[in-house]
Amino acid sequence: MSRERIHNREKLLQGRSDALTQTGFRREDRSSSAVCWQVFTRPPDAANRMVSVSPVSERRRFSFGQRLALATVPPLVALLLRAIGATLRFEYVVEPGLVPPTKATPGIYCFWHRCALPALLYFHGKLRCSILVSQSFDGELIARTIERFGFDAVRGSSSREGAAGLLGLKRAIDAGFIAVFTADGPRGPRFKTKVGPVKLAQMSQMPVGILYLLPERAWVANSWDGFLIPKPFSRVAVSWAHKVNPPVSNAGSEELEAVRMQVEVAMERARRLAEEYFAIGSGADRK
């Protein structure tokens, strides 16, 4: 290759590097032939998402079988969920004096883990949400699926790396997004609120919104939470309870526990309201 051609090729590569840098990316690995670029100035449409597109890092984290699943499962699941979601009819059930939100405003919303799938289908196209997802393989599957619905995955956990996850959600709220919690996730016990939503409310001084989603007809998984999978053409009760005010910024453990209990009580009110709406007693345990 001539010196002139080498020189032109280097100028082209440098131009691409400068363009990526100007749009908010920086080069992370200068020694590898597979270059990794990572966001450091986040664009408005993904204000709380850290994006990495390095095939090398993915090969190091996951086995071949896992990478194959990551490439095939999320698009197939998203396609199936969209098909089911298009047939569902969502009906509001609210406590007196409450108006459900219909546009994306910063805030915190909680529902029980079993409602995650109905909630995903309900929020899609209505509210832009940021969801705390673990950094495990299962978390990666979930993250890639929900991102196909326009949601943002904040990586962290309620049990490990919890502080990093809460900070990510706090940044999402500051950027104008909604932070969503499965209050008893990821492993239960069922209908017992964790302290994570309360701590985030304390950090952001935002109230905690409370809702429960109950399909009239659903498959119920044999899992710790009784995970709900709506059947096509089902009605879904979207039950809202009144928000719970955040603890003061300097609240101690006793004050945090008191607010946690308020959240748990409010979430159970929302659940009972939905169950009474369909008058099926024990929830969506009809298969």
Protein backbone atom coordinates (compact mmCIF):
# COMPACT_ATOMS: atom_id res chain seq x y z
CA MET A 1 0.00 0.00 0.00
CA SER A 2 1.40 3.40 -0.98
CA ARG A 3 2.21 6.08 1.56
CA GLU A 4 -0.49 8.31 0.09
CA ARG A 5 -3.16 5.63 0.50
CA ILE A 6 -2.02 4.91 4.08
CA HIS A 7 -2.14 8.62 4.86
CA ASN A 8 -5.67 8.97 3.43
CA ARG A 9 -6.85 5.92 5.38
CA GLU A 10 -5.49 7.37 8.63
CA LYS A 11 -7.23 10.69 7.94
CA LEU A 12 -10.53 8.85 7.32
CA LEU A 13 -10.26 6.91 10.58
CA GLN A 14 -9.36 10.06 12.50
CA GLY A 15 -12.36 11.84 10.97
CA ARG A 16 -14.69 9.09 12.15
CA SER A 17 -13.12 9.25 15.62
CA ASP A 18 -13.62 13.04 15.79
CA ALA A 19 -17.25 12.70 14.65
CA LEU A 20 -18.04 10.17 17.33
CA THR A 21 -16.35 12.28 19.98
CA GLN A 22 -18.37 15.35 18.96
CA THR A 23 -21.66 13.42 19.24
CA GLY A 24 -20.98 12.31 22.80
CA PHE A 25 -18.83 9.21 22.53
CA ARG A 26 -15.32 8.44 23.65
CA ARG A 27 -12.98 5.65 22.70
CA GLU A 28 -12.47 3.14 25.50
CA ASP A 29 -10.05 0.58 24.05
CA ARG A 30 -7.30 1.85 21.78
CA SER A 31 -5.35 -1.40 21.73
CA SER A 32 -8.08 -3.68 20.39
CA SER A 33 -9.09 -4.03 16.78
CA ALA A 34 -12.70 -4.18 17.99
CA VAL A 35 -13.20 -0.60 19.17
CA CYS A 36 -15.57 0.10 22.06
CA TRP A 37 -17.41 3.44 22.15
CA GLN A 38 -19.32 4.55 25.21
CA VAL A 39 -21.66 7.43 25.90
CA PHE A 40 -20.30 10.19 28.12
CA THR A 41 -22.68 12.97 27.08
CA ARG A 42 -26.12 11.42 27.11
CA PRO A 43 -28.56 12.35 24.35
CA PRO A 44 -32.04 13.57 25.38
CA ASP A 45 -33.83 10.39 24.26
CA ALA A 46 -31.73 8.18 26.53
CA ALA A 47 -30.84 10.43 29.40
CA ASN A 48 -30.14 7.67 31.85
CA ARG A 49 -28.84 4.89 29.62
CA MET A 50 -25.16 3.97 29.43
CA VAL A 51 -24.64 2.37 26.02
CA SER A 52 -21.80 0.02 25.20
CA VAL A 53 -21.47 -1.60 21.78
CA SER A 54 -18.36 -3.66 22.26
CA PRO A 55 -18.60 -7.23 20.94
CA VAL A 56 -15.40 -8.02 22.83
CA SER A 57 -16.86 -7.13 26.24
CA GLU A 58 -20.00 -9.15 25.49
CA ARG A 59 -17.95 -12.22 24.60
CA ARG A 60 -16.10 -11.91 27.90
CA ARG A 61 -19.33 -11.65 29.96
CA PHE A 62 -21.49 -14.30 28.30
CA SER A 63 -21.07 -17.76 26.81
CA PHE A 64 -21.86 -18.49 23.18
CA GLY A 65 -25.24 -19.94 24.14
CA GLN A 66 -26.09 -16.88 26.20
CA ARG A 67 -25.08 -14.52 23.37
CA LEU A 68 -27.29 -16.51 21.01
CA ALA A 69 -30.20 -16.18 23.43
CA LEU A 70 -29.57 -12.44 23.80
CA ALA A 71 -29.69 -12.04 20.03
CA THR A 72 -32.89 -14.06 19.49
CA VAL A 73 -35.06 -14.07 22.61
CA PRO A 74 -35.71 -10.31 23.18
CA PRO A 75 -37.02 -9.59 19.66
CA LEU A 76 -39.24 -12.69 19.68
CA VAL A 77 -40.60 -11.96 23.17
CA ALA A 78 -41.20 -8.31 22.26
CA LEU A 79 -43.08 -9.35 19.13
CA LEU A 80 -45.30 -11.73 21.11
CA LEU A 81 -45.95 -9.17 23.85
CA ARG A 82 -46.87 -6.48 21.34
CA ALA A 83 -49.38 -8.87 19.77
CA ILE A 84 -50.97 -9.61 23.16
CA GLY A 85 -50.84 -5.98 24.26
CA ALA A 86 -52.72 -4.82 21.18
CA THR A 87 -55.73 -6.89 22.26
CA LEU A 88 -55.92 -5.80 25.91
CA ARG A 89 -58.42 -3.29 27.30
CA PHE A 90 -57.12 -1.22 30.22
CA GLU A 91 -59.71 0.17 32.62
CA TYR A 92 -58.94 2.66 35.39
CA VAL A 93 -59.90 2.02 39.00
CA VAL A 94 -58.90 4.83 41.36
CA GLU A 95 -59.28 5.85 44.96
CA PRO A 96 -61.57 8.87 45.52
CA GLY A 97 -60.03 12.19 44.52
CA LEU A 98 -57.19 10.67 42.48
CA VAL A 99 -56.46 11.33 38.80
CA PRO A 100 -54.14 8.82 37.04
CA PRO A 101 -51.15 10.35 35.24
CA THR A 102 -51.52 10.45 31.46
CA LYS A 103 -48.24 12.12 30.49
CA ALA A 104 -44.60 11.62 31.36
CA THR A 105 -43.66 13.74 34.35
CA PRO A 106 -40.73 13.00 36.67
CA GLY A 107 -41.65 10.72 39.52
CA ILE A 108 -41.53 7.30 41.19
CA TYR A 109 -44.09 4.54 40.66
CA CYS A 110 -44.38 1.17 42.39
CA PHE A 111 -46.29 -2.03 41.72
CA TRP A 112 -45.91 -5.63 42.86
CA HIS A 113 -43.53 -7.88 40.92
CA ARG A 114 -46.35 -10.08 39.60
CA CYS A 115 -47.70 -7.04 37.70
CA ALA A 116 -44.51 -6.42 35.73
CA LEU A 117 -45.80 -7.74 32.40
CA PRO A 118 -49.21 -6.02 32.48
CA ALA A 119 -47.42 -2.83 33.58
CA LEU A 120 -44.99 -3.04 30.65
CA LEU A 121 -47.89 -3.31 28.20
CA TYR A 122 -49.82 -0.53 29.95
CA PHE A 123 -46.97 2.01 30.12
CA HIS A 124 -45.87 1.36 26.52
CA GLY A 125 -46.72 4.41 24.43
CA LYS A 126 -48.08 6.33 27.45
CA LEU A 127 -45.23 7.07 29.84
CA ARG A 128 -41.45 6.97 29.35
CA CYS A 129 -40.02 4.87 32.16
CA SER A 130 -36.65 3.96 33.60
CA ILE A 131 -36.49 0.54 35.22
CA LEU A 132 -33.91 -0.91 37.61
CA VAL A 133 -32.50 -4.12 36.09
CA SER A 134 -29.77 -6.37 37.49
CA GLN A 135 -26.49 -6.89 35.64
CA SER A 136 -26.94 -10.67 35.46
CA PHE A 137 -27.68 -12.62 32.28
CA ASP A 138 -31.40 -12.64 33.13
CA GLY A 139 -31.18 -8.90 33.69
CA GLU A 140 -29.56 -8.47 30.28
CA LEU A 141 -32.42 -10.38 28.65
CA ILE A 142 -34.95 -8.16 30.43
CA ALA A 143 -33.05 -4.97 29.58
CA ARG A 144 -32.89 -5.78 25.86
CA THR A 145 -36.57 -6.65 25.83
CA ILE A 146 -37.87 -3.54 27.60
CA GLU A 147 -35.66 -1.28 25.49
CA ARG A 148 -37.65 -2.50 22.48
CA PHE A 149 -40.68 -0.90 24.14
CA GLY A 150 -38.93 2.45 24.49
CA PHE A 151 -38.01 2.04 28.17
CA ASP A 152 -34.60 2.68 29.68
CA ALA A 153 -32.76 0.08 31.76
CA VAL A 154 -30.80 1.38 34.72
CA ARG A 155 -28.36 -1.33 35.70
CA GLY A 156 -28.11 -2.21 39.35
CA SER A 157 -29.91 -4.27 41.97
CA SER A 158 -31.98 -3.88 45.09
CA SER A 159 -29.75 -6.37 46.90
CA ARG A 160 -26.32 -5.82 45.33
CA GLU A 161 -24.86 -2.61 43.96
CA GLY A 162 -28.03 -1.01 45.25
CA ALA A 163 -26.52 2.44 45.73
CA ALA A 164 -25.41 2.61 42.09
CA GLY A 165 -28.87 1.59 40.90
CA LEU A 166 -30.58 4.24 43.05
CA LEU A 167 -28.19 6.92 41.82
CA GLY A 168 -28.97 5.90 38.24
CA LEU A 169 -32.70 6.24 38.88
CA LYS A 170 -32.13 9.58 40.63
CA ARG A 171 -30.34 10.85 37.51
CA ALA A 172 -33.24 9.59 35.40
CA ILE A 173 -35.74 11.54 37.50
CA ASP A 174 -33.57 14.66 37.30
CA ALA A 175 -33.57 14.26 33.51
CA GLY A 176 -37.37 14.16 33.41
CA PHE A 177 -38.04 10.43 33.35
CA ILE A 178 -40.26 8.20 35.48
CA ALA A 179 -38.58 5.66 37.77
CA VAL A 180 -40.41 2.35 38.14
CA PHE A 181 -39.99 -0.18 40.97
CA THR A 182 -41.29 -3.68 41.51
CA ALA A 183 -41.52 -3.08 45.22
CA ASP A 184 -41.22 -6.71 46.35
CA GLY A 185 -38.69 -7.77 43.70
CA PRO A 186 -36.59 -9.36 42.62
CA ARG A 187 -37.06 -12.37 44.92
CA GLY A 188 -39.79 -11.48 47.39
CA PRO A 189 -41.33 -12.22 49.77
CA ARG A 190 -44.55 -11.51 47.89
CA PHE A 191 -46.36 -8.28 48.78
CA LYS A 192 -43.57 -7.06 51.09
CA THR A 193 -42.15 -3.69 50.09
CA LYS A 194 -38.38 -3.23 50.00
CA VAL A 195 -36.84 0.01 51.20
CA GLY A 196 -35.41 0.96 47.78
CA PRO A 197 -38.38 3.07 46.60
CA VAL A 198 -38.41 4.90 49.93
CA LYS A 199 -34.71 5.72 49.71
CA LEU A 200 -35.14 6.99 46.17
CA ALA A 201 -38.07 9.13 47.31
CA GLN A 202 -35.84 10.53 50.05
CA MET A 203 -33.01 11.25 47.60
CA SER A 204 -35.25 12.93 45.02
CA GLN A 205 -37.89 14.35 47.42
CA MET A 206 -40.55 12.90 45.11
CA PRO A 207 -43.70 11.11 46.31
CA VAL A 208 -44.20 7.43 45.52
CA GLY A 209 -47.02 6.64 43.08
CA ILE A 210 -48.93 3.42 43.78
CA LEU A 211 -50.65 1.14 41.27
CA TYR A 212 -51.67 -2.48 40.71
CA LEU A 213 -52.55 -4.10 37.39
CA LEU A 214 -54.87 -7.11 37.32
CA PRO A 215 -55.91 -8.94 34.15
CA GLU A 216 -59.41 -10.35 34.30
CA ARG A 217 -58.12 -13.46 32.52
CA ALA A 218 -54.49 -14.50 32.94
CA TRP A 219 -52.05 -17.36 33.12
CA VAL A 220 -50.46 -17.45 36.57
CA ALA A 221 -46.88 -18.69 36.77
CA ASN A 222 -45.87 -21.19 39.44
CA SER A 223 -43.35 -18.74 40.91
CA TRP A 224 -42.79 -16.97 44.22
CA ASP A 225 -44.79 -13.95 43.02
CA GLY A 226 -47.56 -15.68 41.03
CA PHE A 227 -46.40 -13.83 37.91
CA LEU A 228 -49.32 -12.68 35.74
CA ILE A 229 -49.39 -13.24 31.97
CA PRO A 230 -52.51 -11.61 30.49
CA LYS A 231 -54.53 -13.72 28.09
CA PRO A 232 -55.33 -12.10 24.73
CA PHE A 233 -58.42 -9.86 24.66
CA SER A 234 -58.54 -9.66 28.44
CA ARG A 235 -59.65 -6.61 30.37
CA VAL A 236 -56.99 -5.25 32.73
CA ALA A 237 -57.83 -3.22 35.82
CA VAL A 238 -55.27 -0.44 36.39
CA SER A 239 -55.80 0.39 40.05
CA TRP A 240 -54.30 3.59 41.50
CA ALA A 241 -53.96 4.45 45.17
CA HIS A 242 -52.95 7.82 46.57
CA LYS A 243 -49.27 8.69 46.49
CA VAL A 244 -47.10 8.38 49.57
CA ASN A 245 -45.09 11.46 50.52
CA PRO A 246 -41.29 11.09 50.72
CA PRO A 247 -39.40 11.04 54.02
CA VAL A 248 -37.42 14.16 54.86
CA SER A 249 -33.88 14.26 53.51
CA ASN A 250 -32.32 13.67 56.95
CA ALA A 251 -34.76 10.94 58.04
CA GLY A 252 -33.37 8.12 60.15
CA SER A 253 -34.05 4.40 59.95
CA GLU A 254 -37.28 4.61 61.98
CA GLU A 255 -38.72 7.30 59.71
CA LEU A 256 -37.73 5.31 56.60
CA GLU A 257 -39.42 2.20 57.99
CA ALA A 258 -42.59 4.17 58.72
CA VAL A 259 -42.75 5.42 55.11
CA ARG A 260 -41.96 1.92 53.82
CA MET A 261 -44.98 0.61 55.71
CA GLN A 262 -47.14 3.42 54.27
CA VAL A 263 -46.07 2.35 50.76
CA GLU A 264 -46.85 -1.30 51.52
CA VAL A 265 -50.29 -0.47 52.93
CA ALA A 266 -51.11 1.75 49.94
CA MET A 267 -50.04 -0.96 47.50
CA GLU A 268 -52.28 -3.49 49.21
CA ARG A 269 -55.18 -1.01 48.99
CA ALA A 270 -54.60 -0.78 45.24
CA ARG A 271 -54.51 -4.57 44.95
CA ARG A 272 -57.77 -5.03 46.84
CA LEU A 273 -59.40 -2.32 44.76
CA ALA A 274 -58.52 -4.17 41.54
CA GLU A 275 -59.68 -7.52 42.91
CA GLU A 276 -62.99 -6.06 44.01
CA TYR A 277 -63.42 -4.49 40.56
CA PHE A 278 -63.50 -7.91 38.93
CA ALA A 279 -65.08 -9.57 41.99
CA ILE A 280 -62.85 -12.63 41.68
CA GLY A 281 -61.69 -12.69 45.28
CA SER A 282 -58.13 -13.94 45.14
CA GLY A 283 -56.93 -11.90 42.16
CA ALA A 284 -56.12 -13.31 38.73
CA ASP A 285 -55.72 -16.87 39.91
CA ARG A 286 -58.29 -18.00 37.36
CA LYS A 287 -56.43 -19.96 34.66
